[in-house]
Amino acid sequence: MRTRLHIYVVLAVFIYSCSSTDKGYIWKTKEVMVSAYNSTKAQTDGQPNIAAWGDTLKPDQKSIAVSRNLIPLGFNYNTQVKIDGLEGIYLVKDKMHYRWRNKIDVFMGLDVEKARNWGKKKLKVQYRVKKDSIENE
């Protein structure tokens, strides 16, 4: 009986440790200006569906572009980001022009009206980084 209990305890600990996806990661918070953009030639360079790191953007994809000054803080390619007012987790897939600072653009596919309605807001966002990879801000 004790052996069986011991096996269940070890199994439970193993399952818990494997299911913890944030192991080794933390969520940091940063206040940034958040706007929206679309896959239109007027709003992007050359190929509107191709992001800066080479990803092909799809209209329903939850992705963002970040100003380049945010990249050294941990907003790297494929970093997970939570944005106040929007559901789900967005991935960093694109970089903005060098002139932008402390800014995130939310990709809204071809829905220009949705992007206009979103507007521009100063919000706190959370982004997921490895515990020891980023220095304190």
Protein backbone atom coordinates (compact mmCIF):
# COMPACT_ATOMS: atom_id res chain seq x y z
CA MET A 1 0.00 0.00 0.00
CA ARG A 2 2.81 2.43 0.85
CA THR A 3 4.55 1.73 -2.43
CA ARG A 4 1.39 2.50 -4.38
CA LEU A 5 0.95 5.79 -2.48
CA HIS A 6 4.59 6.64 -3.11
CA ILE A 7 4.14 6.01 -6.84
CA TYR A 8 1.05 8.27 -6.96
CA VAL A 9 2.89 11.07 -5.18
CA VAL A 10 5.89 10.83 -7.51
CA LEU A 11 3.59 10.68 -10.53
CA ALA A 12 1.63 13.75 -9.34
CA VAL A 13 4.83 15.75 -8.81
CA PHE A 14 6.11 14.71 -12.23
CA ILE A 15 2.86 15.70 -13.98
CA TYR A 16 2.75 19.05 -12.15
CA SER A 17 6.35 19.88 -13.04
CA CYS A 18 5.83 18.97 -16.71
CA SER A 19 2.62 20.96 -17.00
CA SER A 20 4.11 24.16 -15.62
CA THR A 21 4.76 26.07 -18.85
CA ASP A 22 6.05 29.16 -17.02
CA LYS A 23 8.86 27.26 -15.32
CA GLY A 24 11.94 29.43 -15.74
CA TYR A 25 9.90 32.38 -17.06
CA ILE A 26 8.33 35.48 -15.58
CA TRP A 27 5.83 38.02 -16.84
CA LYS A 28 7.15 41.59 -16.83
CA THR A 29 5.02 44.71 -17.23
CA LYS A 30 5.74 47.75 -19.39
CA GLU A 31 3.63 50.79 -20.22
CA VAL A 32 3.67 51.53 -23.95
CA MET A 33 1.64 53.26 -26.62
CA VAL A 34 -0.52 50.67 -28.40
CA SER A 35 -1.99 51.25 -31.84
CA ALA A 36 -3.14 48.91 -34.62
CA TYR A 37 -2.13 48.19 -38.20
CA ASN A 38 -3.35 46.22 -41.20
CA SER A 39 -1.92 44.23 -44.10
CA THR A 40 -2.31 46.98 -46.64
CA LYS A 41 0.35 48.46 -48.90
CA ALA A 42 -0.43 51.92 -47.56
CA GLN A 43 0.48 50.84 -44.00
CA THR A 44 3.46 48.56 -44.64
CA ASP A 45 6.61 48.29 -46.71
CA GLY A 46 6.41 46.46 -50.04
CA GLN A 47 4.91 43.09 -49.12
CA PRO A 48 2.09 43.74 -46.63
CA ASN A 49 1.81 40.12 -45.45
CA ILE A 50 5.51 39.60 -44.70
CA ALA A 51 6.75 40.60 -41.24
CA ALA A 52 10.26 41.82 -40.42
CA TRP A 53 11.49 38.39 -39.30
CA GLY A 54 10.10 36.76 -42.46
CA ASP A 55 6.80 35.39 -41.13
CA THR A 56 3.76 35.45 -43.39
CA LEU A 57 0.96 37.13 -41.48
CA LYS A 58 -2.56 35.69 -41.69
CA PRO A 59 -5.64 37.89 -41.06
CA ASP A 60 -6.76 36.10 -37.87
CA GLN A 61 -3.26 35.84 -36.37
CA LYS A 62 -2.60 37.38 -32.95
CA SER A 63 0.65 39.15 -33.64
CA ILE A 64 2.24 42.50 -32.93
CA ALA A 65 4.98 44.76 -34.20
CA VAL A 66 7.26 46.39 -31.63
CA SER A 67 9.41 49.48 -31.70
CA ARG A 68 13.05 48.49 -31.87
CA ASN A 69 13.94 50.00 -28.49
CA LEU A 70 11.71 47.36 -26.84
CA ILE A 71 13.65 44.41 -28.28
CA PRO A 72 16.61 44.68 -25.84
CA LEU A 73 14.09 44.74 -22.96
CA GLY A 74 12.83 41.29 -23.95
CA PHE A 75 10.28 41.91 -26.72
CA ASN A 76 12.16 39.52 -29.02
CA TYR A 77 10.85 37.46 -31.92
CA ASN A 78 7.93 35.24 -30.78
CA THR A 79 7.81 36.73 -27.27
CA GLN A 80 4.37 36.23 -25.73
CA VAL A 81 2.54 39.48 -24.90
CA LYS A 82 -0.74 40.16 -23.08
CA ILE A 83 -2.41 43.48 -23.92
CA ASP A 84 -5.01 45.16 -21.69
CA GLY A 85 -8.35 45.27 -23.49
CA LEU A 86 -7.55 42.41 -25.88
CA GLU A 87 -8.11 38.72 -25.22
CA GLY A 88 -5.45 36.10 -25.64
CA ILE A 89 -1.72 36.11 -26.07
CA TYR A 90 -0.05 37.92 -28.94
CA LEU A 91 3.34 37.02 -30.43
CA VAL A 92 6.01 39.49 -31.50
CA LYS A 93 6.32 38.90 -35.25
CA ASP A 94 7.26 42.30 -36.64
CA LYS A 95 9.52 45.29 -35.98
CA MET A 96 8.57 48.91 -36.49
CA HIS A 97 10.54 51.69 -38.17
CA TYR A 98 13.43 53.12 -36.11
CA ARG A 99 11.58 56.40 -35.52
CA TRP A 100 9.08 54.74 -33.13
CA ARG A 101 9.86 54.35 -29.42
CA ASN A 102 7.97 52.55 -26.65
CA LYS A 103 5.26 51.52 -29.09
CA ILE A 104 3.41 48.36 -30.06
CA ASP A 105 1.25 47.91 -33.15
CA VAL A 106 -1.42 45.20 -32.94
CA PHE A 107 -1.94 43.36 -36.23
CA MET A 108 -5.62 43.43 -37.25
CA GLY A 109 -5.45 41.70 -40.64
CA LEU A 110 -7.42 43.50 -43.31
CA ASP A 111 -10.02 45.00 -40.95
CA VAL A 112 -9.10 48.68 -41.31
CA GLU A 113 -12.27 49.80 -39.50
CA LYS A 114 -11.40 47.66 -36.45
CA ALA A 115 -7.91 49.18 -36.38
CA ARG A 116 -9.33 52.72 -36.62
CA ASN A 117 -11.81 51.99 -33.81
CA TRP A 118 -8.97 50.70 -31.62
CA GLY A 119 -7.13 53.97 -32.10
CA LYS A 120 -4.07 54.71 -30.00
CA LYS A 121 -3.91 54.02 -26.27
CA LYS A 122 -1.29 54.15 -23.55
CA LEU A 123 -1.55 50.74 -21.87
CA LYS A 124 0.32 48.36 -19.66
CA VAL A 125 1.31 45.16 -21.40
CA GLN A 126 2.79 42.01 -19.96
CA TYR A 127 5.53 40.12 -21.74
CA ARG A 128 7.05 36.72 -20.96
CA VAL A 129 10.83 36.45 -20.53
CA LYS A 130 13.29 33.98 -19.09
CA LYS A 131 13.97 34.74 -15.44
CA ASP A 132 17.68 35.36 -15.85
CA SER A 133 17.82 36.71 -19.40
CA ILE A 134 16.82 40.33 -18.86
CA GLU A 135 18.38 42.93 -16.60
CA ASN A 136 16.11 45.09 -14.47
CA GLU A 137 14.77 48.13 -16.30
